[in-house]
Amino acid sequence: MADTADTRSLTLAGARKALDAALAKAEAMGRRFCIAVTDPSGEPIATARMDGAPRLSAGIALNKAYTVAGIGGMPSGNWWNLIKDEPALVHGITHTPRLIVFGGGVGIFVDGALVGAIGASGGSADEDTEVAQAGADALAN
């Protein structure tokens, strides 16, 4: 049907599986993170703020997942390399509400389809990416 599109999305059970895997990774690292799992349109399904995690990180984690979902699954950490050599783009696009241009957001893909996104915040960009990727990997097949 040319007038409709079938979409796939994480269920609450799938979002919790990703969230639990990310939390386990964060615990293994001995750090406190905020983690957000969204559907493929960037709407939240499940979030968590570990005890002692910075409050500000909760919104950042959600915006990382929102950014990834909004660009079709590209990791949030890939943005900087795309824009860094274009000053006008750096100064313009970084004013886009909720856009995050550093690591910590990754897509959740099942059978090649973007079904959601996960963002983590509370460590360095590399640590955030590692935690988010652990969540995404829990659903990868």
C-alpha atoms as a PDB file:
ATOM      1  CA  MET A   1       0.000   0.000   0.000  1.00  0.00           C
ATOM      2  CA  ALA A   2       1.565   3.247  -1.146  1.00  0.00           C
ATOM      3  CA  ASP A   3      -0.350   5.397   1.342  1.00  0.00           C
ATOM      4  CA  THR A   4       0.745   3.668   4.538  1.00  0.00           C
ATOM      5  CA  ALA A   5       3.925   2.320   6.056  1.00  0.00           C
ATOM      6  CA  ASP A   6       4.402  -0.484   8.513  1.00  0.00           C
ATOM      7  CA  THR A   7       6.663   0.448  11.398  1.00  0.00           C
ATOM      8  CA  ARG A   8       8.225  -1.622  14.123  1.00  0.00           C
ATOM      9  CA  SER A   9       8.777  -0.414  17.635  1.00  0.00           C
ATOM     10  CA  LEU A  10      10.128  -1.685  20.898  1.00  0.00           C
ATOM     11  CA  THR A  11       7.590  -2.975  23.353  1.00  0.00           C
ATOM     12  CA  LEU A  12       7.798  -2.057  27.006  1.00  0.00           C
ATOM     13  CA  ALA A  13       9.341  -5.502  27.599  1.00  0.00           C
ATOM     14  CA  GLY A  14      11.983  -4.811  24.948  1.00  0.00           C
ATOM     15  CA  ALA A  15      12.710  -1.359  26.354  1.00  0.00           C
ATOM     16  CA  ARG A  16      13.110  -2.813  29.833  1.00  0.00           C
ATOM     17  CA  LYS A  17      15.491  -5.461  28.498  1.00  0.00           C
ATOM     18  CA  ALA A  18      17.670  -2.741  26.946  1.00  0.00           C
ATOM     19  CA  LEU A  19      17.412  -0.593  30.070  1.00  0.00           C
ATOM     20  CA  ASP A  20      18.365  -3.495  32.359  1.00  0.00           C
ATOM     21  CA  ALA A  21      21.410  -4.361  30.205  1.00  0.00           C
ATOM     22  CA  ALA A  22      22.559  -0.740  30.227  1.00  0.00           C
ATOM     23  CA  LEU A  23      22.090  -0.518  33.994  1.00  0.00           C
ATOM     24  CA  ALA A  24      24.079  -3.724  34.459  1.00  0.00           C
ATOM     25  CA  LYS A  25      26.919  -2.277  32.371  1.00  0.00           C
ATOM     26  CA  ALA A  26      26.850   0.936  34.408  1.00  0.00           C
ATOM     27  CA  GLU A  27      26.970  -1.066  37.656  1.00  0.00           C
ATOM     28  CA  ALA A  28      29.924  -3.097  36.343  1.00  0.00           C
ATOM     29  CA  MET A  29      31.724   0.165  35.588  1.00  0.00           C
ATOM     30  CA  GLY A  30      31.038   1.392  39.127  1.00  0.00           C
ATOM     31  CA  ARG A  31      29.435   4.588  37.834  1.00  0.00           C
ATOM     32  CA  ARG A  32      26.023   6.230  38.133  1.00  0.00           C
ATOM     33  CA  PHE A  33      24.145   6.972  34.912  1.00  0.00           C
ATOM     34  CA  CYS A  34      20.806   8.135  33.635  1.00  0.00           C
ATOM     35  CA  ILE A  35      19.438   6.003  30.808  1.00  0.00           C
ATOM     36  CA  ALA A  36      16.520   6.579  28.449  1.00  0.00           C
ATOM     37  CA  VAL A  37      14.980   4.179  25.934  1.00  0.00           C
ATOM     38  CA  THR A  38      12.659   5.538  23.252  1.00  0.00           C
ATOM     39  CA  ASP A  39      10.569   4.261  20.395  1.00  0.00           C
ATOM     40  CA  PRO A  40      11.811   4.945  16.839  1.00  0.00           C
ATOM     41  CA  SER A  41      10.184   8.383  16.851  1.00  0.00           C
ATOM     42  CA  GLY A  42      12.043   9.429  20.005  1.00  0.00           C
ATOM     43  CA  GLU A  43       9.155   9.121  22.450  1.00  0.00           C
ATOM     44  CA  PRO A  44      10.244   7.700  25.830  1.00  0.00           C
ATOM     45  CA  ILE A  45       9.311   4.154  26.772  1.00  0.00           C
ATOM     46  CA  ALA A  46      11.514   3.583  29.828  1.00  0.00           C
ATOM     47  CA  THR A  47      13.938   5.732  31.796  1.00  0.00           C
ATOM     48  CA  ALA A  48      16.056   5.334  34.894  1.00  0.00           C
ATOM     49  CA  ARG A  49      18.237   7.574  37.049  1.00  0.00           C
ATOM     50  CA  MET A  50      20.568   5.478  39.136  1.00  0.00           C
ATOM     51  CA  ASP A  51      20.922   6.508  42.769  1.00  0.00           C
ATOM     52  CA  GLY A  52      23.452   9.320  42.882  1.00  0.00           C
ATOM     53  CA  ALA A  53      23.379  10.045  39.135  1.00  0.00           C
ATOM     54  CA  PRO A  54      23.344  13.740  38.253  1.00  0.00           C
ATOM     55  CA  ARG A  55      19.829  15.094  37.716  1.00  0.00           C
ATOM     56  CA  LEU A  56      20.827  17.011  34.617  1.00  0.00           C
ATOM     57  CA  SER A  57      21.943  13.747  33.038  1.00  0.00           C
ATOM     58  CA  ALA A  58      18.346  12.476  32.895  1.00  0.00           C
ATOM     59  CA  GLY A  59      17.355  15.072  30.286  1.00  0.00           C
ATOM     60  CA  ILE A  60      20.622  14.669  28.420  1.00  0.00           C
ATOM     61  CA  ALA A  61      20.140  10.888  28.151  1.00  0.00           C
ATOM     62  CA  LEU A  62      16.630  11.377  26.791  1.00  0.00           C
ATOM     63  CA  ASN A  63      17.842  13.971  24.284  1.00  0.00           C
ATOM     64  CA  LYS A  64      20.590  11.634  23.108  1.00  0.00           C
ATOM     65  CA  ALA A  65      18.020   8.934  22.348  1.00  0.00           C
ATOM     66  CA  TYR A  66      15.731  11.539  20.735  1.00  0.00           C
ATOM     67  CA  THR A  67      18.596  12.719  18.499  1.00  0.00           C
ATOM     68  CA  VAL A  68      19.387   9.178  17.379  1.00  0.00           C
ATOM     69  CA  ALA A  69      15.750   8.409  16.615  1.00  0.00           C
ATOM     70  CA  GLY A  70      15.314  11.678  14.754  1.00  0.00           C
ATOM     71  CA  ILE A  71      18.173  10.982  12.372  1.00  0.00           C
ATOM     72  CA  GLY A  72      17.280   7.370  11.620  1.00  0.00           C
ATOM     73  CA  GLY A  73      19.586   5.598  14.026  1.00  0.00           C
ATOM     74  CA  MET A  74      22.915   7.369  13.531  1.00  0.00           C
ATOM     75  CA  PRO A  75      24.807   7.433  16.849  1.00  0.00           C
ATOM     76  CA  SER A  76      24.816  10.852  18.512  1.00  0.00           C
ATOM     77  CA  GLY A  77      28.617  10.728  18.651  1.00  0.00           C
ATOM     78  CA  ASN A  78      28.841  10.751  14.847  1.00  0.00           C
ATOM     79  CA  TRP A  79      27.410  14.256  14.567  1.00  0.00           C
ATOM     80  CA  TRP A  80      30.571  16.160  15.450  1.00  0.00           C
ATOM     81  CA  ASN A  81      32.650  14.602  12.666  1.00  0.00           C
ATOM     82  CA  LEU A  82      29.914  15.522  10.185  1.00  0.00           C
ATOM     83  CA  ILE A  83      29.755  19.191  11.160  1.00  0.00           C
ATOM     84  CA  LYS A  84      33.122  20.152  12.678  1.00  0.00           C
ATOM     85  CA  ASP A  85      34.625  21.529   9.463  1.00  0.00           C
ATOM     86  CA  GLU A  86      31.637  23.726   8.640  1.00  0.00           C
ATOM     87  CA  PRO A  87      31.488  26.677  11.092  1.00  0.00           C
ATOM     88  CA  ALA A  88      28.083  27.876   9.911  1.00  0.00           C
ATOM     89  CA  LEU A  89      26.652  24.403  10.412  1.00  0.00           C
ATOM     90  CA  VAL A  90      28.267  24.056  13.857  1.00  0.00           C
ATOM     91  CA  HIS A  91      26.797  27.365  14.991  1.00  0.00           C
ATOM     92  CA  GLY A  92      23.425  26.770  13.363  1.00  0.00           C
ATOM     93  CA  ILE A  93      22.539  23.137  13.939  1.00  0.00           C
ATOM     94  CA  THR A  94      23.750  23.086  17.520  1.00  0.00           C
ATOM     95  CA  HIS A  95      20.916  25.490  18.325  1.00  0.00           C
ATOM     96  CA  THR A  96      18.388  22.856  17.269  1.00  0.00           C
ATOM     97  CA  PRO A  97      16.368  22.001  20.371  1.00  0.00           C
ATOM     98  CA  ARG A  98      17.233  18.611  21.883  1.00  0.00           C
ATOM     99  CA  LEU A  99      20.005  17.852  19.350  1.00  0.00           C
ATOM    100  CA  ILE A 100      23.042  16.241  20.991  1.00  0.00           C
ATOM    101  CA  VAL A 101      26.328  16.173  19.044  1.00  0.00           C
ATOM    102  CA  PHE A 102      28.429  14.015  21.387  1.00  0.00           C
ATOM    103  CA  GLY A 103      28.492  10.340  22.271  1.00  0.00           C
ATOM    104  CA  GLY A 104      26.065   8.382  24.381  1.00  0.00           C
ATOM    105  CA  GLY A 105      23.117   7.777  22.090  1.00  0.00           C
ATOM    106  CA  VAL A 106      22.762   4.724  19.844  1.00  0.00           C
ATOM    107  CA  GLY A 107      20.041   3.135  17.770  1.00  0.00           C
ATOM    108  CA  ILE A 108      18.386  -0.135  18.644  1.00  0.00           C
ATOM    109  CA  PHE A 109      18.086  -2.262  15.522  1.00  0.00           C
ATOM    110  CA  VAL A 110      16.302  -5.587  15.137  1.00  0.00           C
ATOM    111  CA  ASP A 111      16.561  -7.383  11.795  1.00  0.00           C
ATOM    112  CA  GLY A 112      18.035  -4.220  10.291  1.00  0.00           C
ATOM    113  CA  ALA A 113      15.086  -2.041  11.327  1.00  0.00           C
ATOM    114  CA  LEU A 114      15.376   0.860  13.752  1.00  0.00           C
ATOM    115  CA  VAL A 115      12.950  -0.064  16.544  1.00  0.00           C
ATOM    116  CA  GLY A 116      14.118   2.413  19.159  1.00  0.00           C
ATOM    117  CA  ALA A 117      17.030   4.346  20.582  1.00  0.00           C
ATOM    118  CA  ILE A 118      18.887   4.475  23.872  1.00  0.00           C
ATOM    119  CA  GLY A 119      20.777   7.307  25.491  1.00  0.00           C
ATOM    120  CA  ALA A 120      23.049   7.268  28.516  1.00  0.00           C
ATOM    121  CA  SER A 121      24.559  10.167  30.447  1.00  0.00           C
ATOM    122  CA  GLY A 122      26.689  10.364  33.554  1.00  0.00           C
ATOM    123  CA  GLY A 123      30.220   9.595  32.394  1.00  0.00           C
ATOM    124  CA  SER A 124      32.488  10.641  29.564  1.00  0.00           C
ATOM    125  CA  ALA A 125      31.094  10.491  26.028  1.00  0.00           C
ATOM    126  CA  ASP A 126      32.913   7.174  25.525  1.00  0.00           C
ATOM    127  CA  GLU A 127      31.555   5.725  28.780  1.00  0.00           C
ATOM    128  CA  ASP A 128      28.052   6.910  27.947  1.00  0.00           C
ATOM    129  CA  THR A 129      28.311   5.248  24.533  1.00  0.00           C
ATOM    130  CA  GLU A 130      29.549   2.023  26.114  1.00  0.00           C
ATOM    131  CA  VAL A 131      26.557   1.913  28.476  1.00  0.00           C
ATOM    132  CA  ALA A 132      24.048   2.743  25.724  1.00  0.00           C
ATOM    133  CA  GLN A 133      25.603   0.184  23.381  1.00  0.00           C
ATOM    134  CA  ALA A 134      25.258  -2.523  26.034  1.00  0.00           C
ATOM    135  CA  GLY A 135      21.551  -1.780  26.108  1.00  0.00           C
ATOM    136  CA  ALA A 136      21.210  -1.858  22.333  1.00  0.00           C
ATOM    137  CA  ASP A 137      23.228  -5.074  22.124  1.00  0.00           C
ATOM    138  CA  ALA A 138      20.771  -6.811  24.433  1.00  0.00           C
ATOM    139  CA  LEU A 139      18.216  -6.707  21.623  1.00  0.00           C
ATOM    140  CA  ALA A 140      20.486  -7.118  18.587  1.00  0.00           C
ATOM    141  CA  ASN A 141      20.200 -10.372  16.716  1.00  0.00           C
END
